[in-house]
Amino acid sequence: MGVTQEQIDQICAALPGAEFARPPELTSWKVGGKMFACFAANGDPSGVSVKCADIDTARMLIDAGLAQRAPYFHASWVRLPFDATGLEDAHHRLVVSYDLVRGGLKKAARDALPARGDF
């Protein structure tokens, strides 16, 4: 089971308009300048943090043992541990996070991005 940062990067890179941000910012993936996936700031390779639709969804994922609380993030974000998250689950959560962040962009910013397509 388990997913790697390289696999996470491949999924994110395939999303239209996604950009990789390196330090001095948090190592993360962004769309329209807004983060949708974030890796630990101190180089801890334990997982990736993603946005959920709401706090209840985040709590459900945590309670089900599928995610952990994402330190320093709003309660609607969760951390997906690399060693306990399968590739299919990681893909789903990353695409959901991307769609939520992309959907929250101002219309002009959304319209400037490449077409969404199917993933």
C-alpha atoms as a PDB file:
ATOM      1  CA  MET A   1       0.000   0.000   0.000  1.00  0.00           C
ATOM      2  CA  GLY A   2       1.613   3.378   0.347  1.00  0.00           C
ATOM      3  CA  VAL A   3       2.310   6.219  -2.000  1.00  0.00           C
ATOM      4  CA  THR A   4       5.448   8.279  -2.595  1.00  0.00           C
ATOM      5  CA  GLN A   5       6.046  11.974  -3.013  1.00  0.00           C
ATOM      6  CA  GLU A   6       7.118  11.239  -6.592  1.00  0.00           C
ATOM      7  CA  GLN A   7       3.703   9.686  -7.299  1.00  0.00           C
ATOM      8  CA  ILE A   8       1.974  12.658  -5.649  1.00  0.00           C
ATOM      9  CA  ASP A   9       4.045  14.992  -7.833  1.00  0.00           C
ATOM     10  CA  GLN A  10       3.054  13.052 -10.982  1.00  0.00           C
ATOM     11  CA  ILE A  11      -0.656  13.294 -10.126  1.00  0.00           C
ATOM     12  CA  CYS A  12      -0.422  17.011  -9.363  1.00  0.00           C
ATOM     13  CA  ALA A  13       1.681  17.812 -12.436  1.00  0.00           C
ATOM     14  CA  ALA A  14      -1.043  16.339 -14.655  1.00  0.00           C
ATOM     15  CA  LEU A  15      -3.690  18.743 -13.327  1.00  0.00           C
ATOM     16  CA  PRO A  16      -4.262  21.754 -15.630  1.00  0.00           C
ATOM     17  CA  GLY A  17      -2.512  24.884 -14.405  1.00  0.00           C
ATOM     18  CA  ALA A  18      -0.900  23.170 -11.401  1.00  0.00           C
ATOM     19  CA  GLU A  19       2.459  24.617 -10.389  1.00  0.00           C
ATOM     20  CA  PHE A  20       5.086  23.258  -8.015  1.00  0.00           C
ATOM     21  CA  ALA A  21       6.267  25.723  -5.354  1.00  0.00           C
ATOM     22  CA  ARG A  22       9.659  25.258  -3.724  1.00  0.00           C
ATOM     23  CA  PRO A  23      11.182  26.876  -0.651  1.00  0.00           C
ATOM     24  CA  PRO A  24      11.410  29.573   0.573  1.00  0.00           C
ATOM     25  CA  GLU A  25       7.663  28.934   0.279  1.00  0.00           C
ATOM     26  CA  LEU A  26       6.207  25.732   1.638  1.00  0.00           C
ATOM     27  CA  THR A  27       6.949  22.869  -0.722  1.00  0.00           C
ATOM     28  CA  SER A  28       3.535  22.530  -2.313  1.00  0.00           C
ATOM     29  CA  TRP A  29       1.381  22.358  -5.403  1.00  0.00           C
ATOM     30  CA  LYS A  30      -0.749  25.373  -6.341  1.00  0.00           C
ATOM     31  CA  VAL A  31      -3.406  26.303  -8.845  1.00  0.00           C
ATOM     32  CA  GLY A  32      -4.065  29.966  -9.572  1.00  0.00           C
ATOM     33  CA  GLY A  33      -1.535  30.835  -6.862  1.00  0.00           C
ATOM     34  CA  LYS A  34      -3.492  28.945  -4.178  1.00  0.00           C
ATOM     35  CA  MET A  35      -2.190  25.815  -2.485  1.00  0.00           C
ATOM     36  CA  PHE A  36      -4.037  22.513  -2.916  1.00  0.00           C
ATOM     37  CA  ALA A  37      -1.333  20.062  -1.732  1.00  0.00           C
ATOM     38  CA  CYS A  38       1.432  20.702   0.784  1.00  0.00           C
ATOM     39  CA  PHE A  39       4.378  18.709   2.074  1.00  0.00           C
ATOM     40  CA  ALA A  40       5.922  19.098   5.531  1.00  0.00           C
ATOM     41  CA  ALA A  41       7.878  22.318   5.940  1.00  0.00           C
ATOM     42  CA  ASN A  42      10.802  20.742   7.784  1.00  0.00           C
ATOM     43  CA  GLY A  43      11.535  18.077   5.203  1.00  0.00           C
ATOM     44  CA  ASP A  44       9.574  15.412   7.089  1.00  0.00           C
ATOM     45  CA  PRO A  45       8.641  12.969   4.312  1.00  0.00           C
ATOM     46  CA  SER A  46       5.620  11.551   6.134  1.00  0.00           C
ATOM     47  CA  GLY A  47       2.752  12.736   3.956  1.00  0.00           C
ATOM     48  CA  VAL A  48       0.891  15.371   1.994  1.00  0.00           C
ATOM     49  CA  SER A  49      -1.800  17.746   3.274  1.00  0.00           C
ATOM     50  CA  VAL A  50      -4.917  18.342   1.160  1.00  0.00           C
ATOM     51  CA  LYS A  51      -8.110  20.366   1.417  1.00  0.00           C
ATOM     52  CA  CYS A  52     -11.462  18.677   2.049  1.00  0.00           C
ATOM     53  CA  ALA A  53     -14.899  20.018   1.169  1.00  0.00           C
ATOM     54  CA  ASP A  54     -15.593  20.847   4.817  1.00  0.00           C
ATOM     55  CA  ILE A  55     -14.647  20.135   8.410  1.00  0.00           C
ATOM     56  CA  ASP A  56     -17.092  17.216   8.626  1.00  0.00           C
ATOM     57  CA  THR A  57     -15.432  15.456   5.698  1.00  0.00           C
ATOM     58  CA  ALA A  58     -12.007  16.001   7.251  1.00  0.00           C
ATOM     59  CA  ARG A  59     -13.224  14.605  10.582  1.00  0.00           C
ATOM     60  CA  MET A  60     -14.764  11.586   8.863  1.00  0.00           C
ATOM     61  CA  LEU A  61     -11.474  10.798   7.084  1.00  0.00           C
ATOM     62  CA  ILE A  62      -9.558  11.180  10.345  1.00  0.00           C
ATOM     63  CA  ASP A  63     -12.057   9.089  12.331  1.00  0.00           C
ATOM     64  CA  ALA A  64     -11.937   6.364   9.658  1.00  0.00           C
ATOM     65  CA  GLY A  65      -8.147   6.242   9.954  1.00  0.00           C
ATOM     66  CA  LEU A  66      -7.663   7.368   6.350  1.00  0.00           C
ATOM     67  CA  ALA A  67      -6.041  10.684   7.245  1.00  0.00           C
ATOM     68  CA  GLN A  68      -4.532  12.654  10.099  1.00  0.00           C
ATOM     69  CA  ARG A  69      -5.098  16.183  11.307  1.00  0.00           C
ATOM     70  CA  ALA A  70      -2.966  18.521   9.185  1.00  0.00           C
ATOM     71  CA  PRO A  71      -0.837  20.523  11.633  1.00  0.00           C
ATOM     72  CA  TYR A  72      -1.039  24.316  11.248  1.00  0.00           C
ATOM     73  CA  PHE A  73      -3.877  24.110   8.687  1.00  0.00           C
ATOM     74  CA  HIS A  74      -7.573  24.906   8.919  1.00  0.00           C
ATOM     75  CA  ALA A  75      -9.667  21.990  10.196  1.00  0.00           C
ATOM     76  CA  SER A  76     -10.910  21.317   6.644  1.00  0.00           C
ATOM     77  CA  TRP A  77      -7.406  20.112   5.681  1.00  0.00           C
ATOM     78  CA  VAL A  78      -6.056  16.615   6.359  1.00  0.00           C
ATOM     79  CA  ARG A  79      -2.676  14.939   6.062  1.00  0.00           C
ATOM     80  CA  LEU A  80      -2.467  11.759   4.004  1.00  0.00           C
ATOM     81  CA  PRO A  81       0.367   9.619   5.378  1.00  0.00           C
ATOM     82  CA  PHE A  82       2.520   8.237   2.564  1.00  0.00           C
ATOM     83  CA  ASP A  83       2.847   4.815   4.177  1.00  0.00           C
ATOM     84  CA  ALA A  84      -0.904   4.357   4.796  1.00  0.00           C
ATOM     85  CA  THR A  85      -2.447   5.884   1.666  1.00  0.00           C
ATOM     86  CA  GLY A  86      -2.919   3.948  -1.558  1.00  0.00           C
ATOM     87  CA  LEU A  87      -2.336   5.484  -4.961  1.00  0.00           C
ATOM     88  CA  GLU A  88      -6.033   5.492  -5.894  1.00  0.00           C
ATOM     89  CA  ASP A  89      -7.039   7.192  -2.632  1.00  0.00           C
ATOM     90  CA  ALA A  90      -4.237   9.736  -2.976  1.00  0.00           C
ATOM     91  CA  HIS A  91      -5.301  10.486  -6.553  1.00  0.00           C
ATOM     92  CA  HIS A  92      -8.918  11.014  -5.470  1.00  0.00           C
ATOM     93  CA  ARG A  93      -8.073  13.290  -2.517  1.00  0.00           C
ATOM     94  CA  LEU A  94      -5.610  15.353  -4.601  1.00  0.00           C
ATOM     95  CA  VAL A  95      -8.121  15.879  -7.406  1.00  0.00           C
ATOM     96  CA  VAL A  96     -10.840  16.826  -4.890  1.00  0.00           C
ATOM     97  CA  SER A  97      -8.480  19.305  -3.217  1.00  0.00           C
ATOM     98  CA  TYR A  98      -7.467  20.743  -6.597  1.00  0.00           C
ATOM     99  CA  ASP A  99     -11.115  21.107  -7.670  1.00  0.00           C
ATOM    100  CA  LEU A 100     -12.084  22.805  -4.400  1.00  0.00           C
ATOM    101  CA  VAL A 101      -9.228  25.302  -4.615  1.00  0.00           C
ATOM    102  CA  ARG A 102      -9.707  25.892  -8.345  1.00  0.00           C
ATOM    103  CA  GLY A 103     -13.441  26.370  -7.832  1.00  0.00           C
ATOM    104  CA  GLY A 104     -12.768  28.964  -5.129  1.00  0.00           C
ATOM    105  CA  LEU A 105     -10.671  31.154  -7.408  1.00  0.00           C
ATOM    106  CA  LYS A 106     -12.100  34.357  -8.811  1.00  0.00           C
ATOM    107  CA  LYS A 107     -13.769  33.839 -12.176  1.00  0.00           C
ATOM    108  CA  ALA A 108     -11.029  35.673 -14.073  1.00  0.00           C
ATOM    109  CA  ALA A 109      -8.360  33.459 -12.501  1.00  0.00           C
ATOM    110  CA  ARG A 110     -10.371  30.289 -13.262  1.00  0.00           C
ATOM    111  CA  ASP A 111     -10.959  31.399 -16.841  1.00  0.00           C
ATOM    112  CA  ALA A 112      -7.211  31.987 -17.328  1.00  0.00           C
ATOM    113  CA  LEU A 113      -6.443  28.325 -16.499  1.00  0.00           C
ATOM    114  CA  PRO A 114      -6.354  25.503 -19.039  1.00  0.00           C
ATOM    115  CA  ALA A 115      -9.556  23.483 -19.386  1.00  0.00           C
ATOM    116  CA  ARG A 116     -10.147  21.055 -16.523  1.00  0.00           C
ATOM    117  CA  GLY A 117     -10.720  17.836 -18.503  1.00  0.00           C
ATOM    118  CA  ASP A 118     -11.157  14.378 -16.963  1.00  0.00           C
ATOM    119  CA  PHE A 119      -8.803  12.776 -14.470  1.00  0.00           C
END
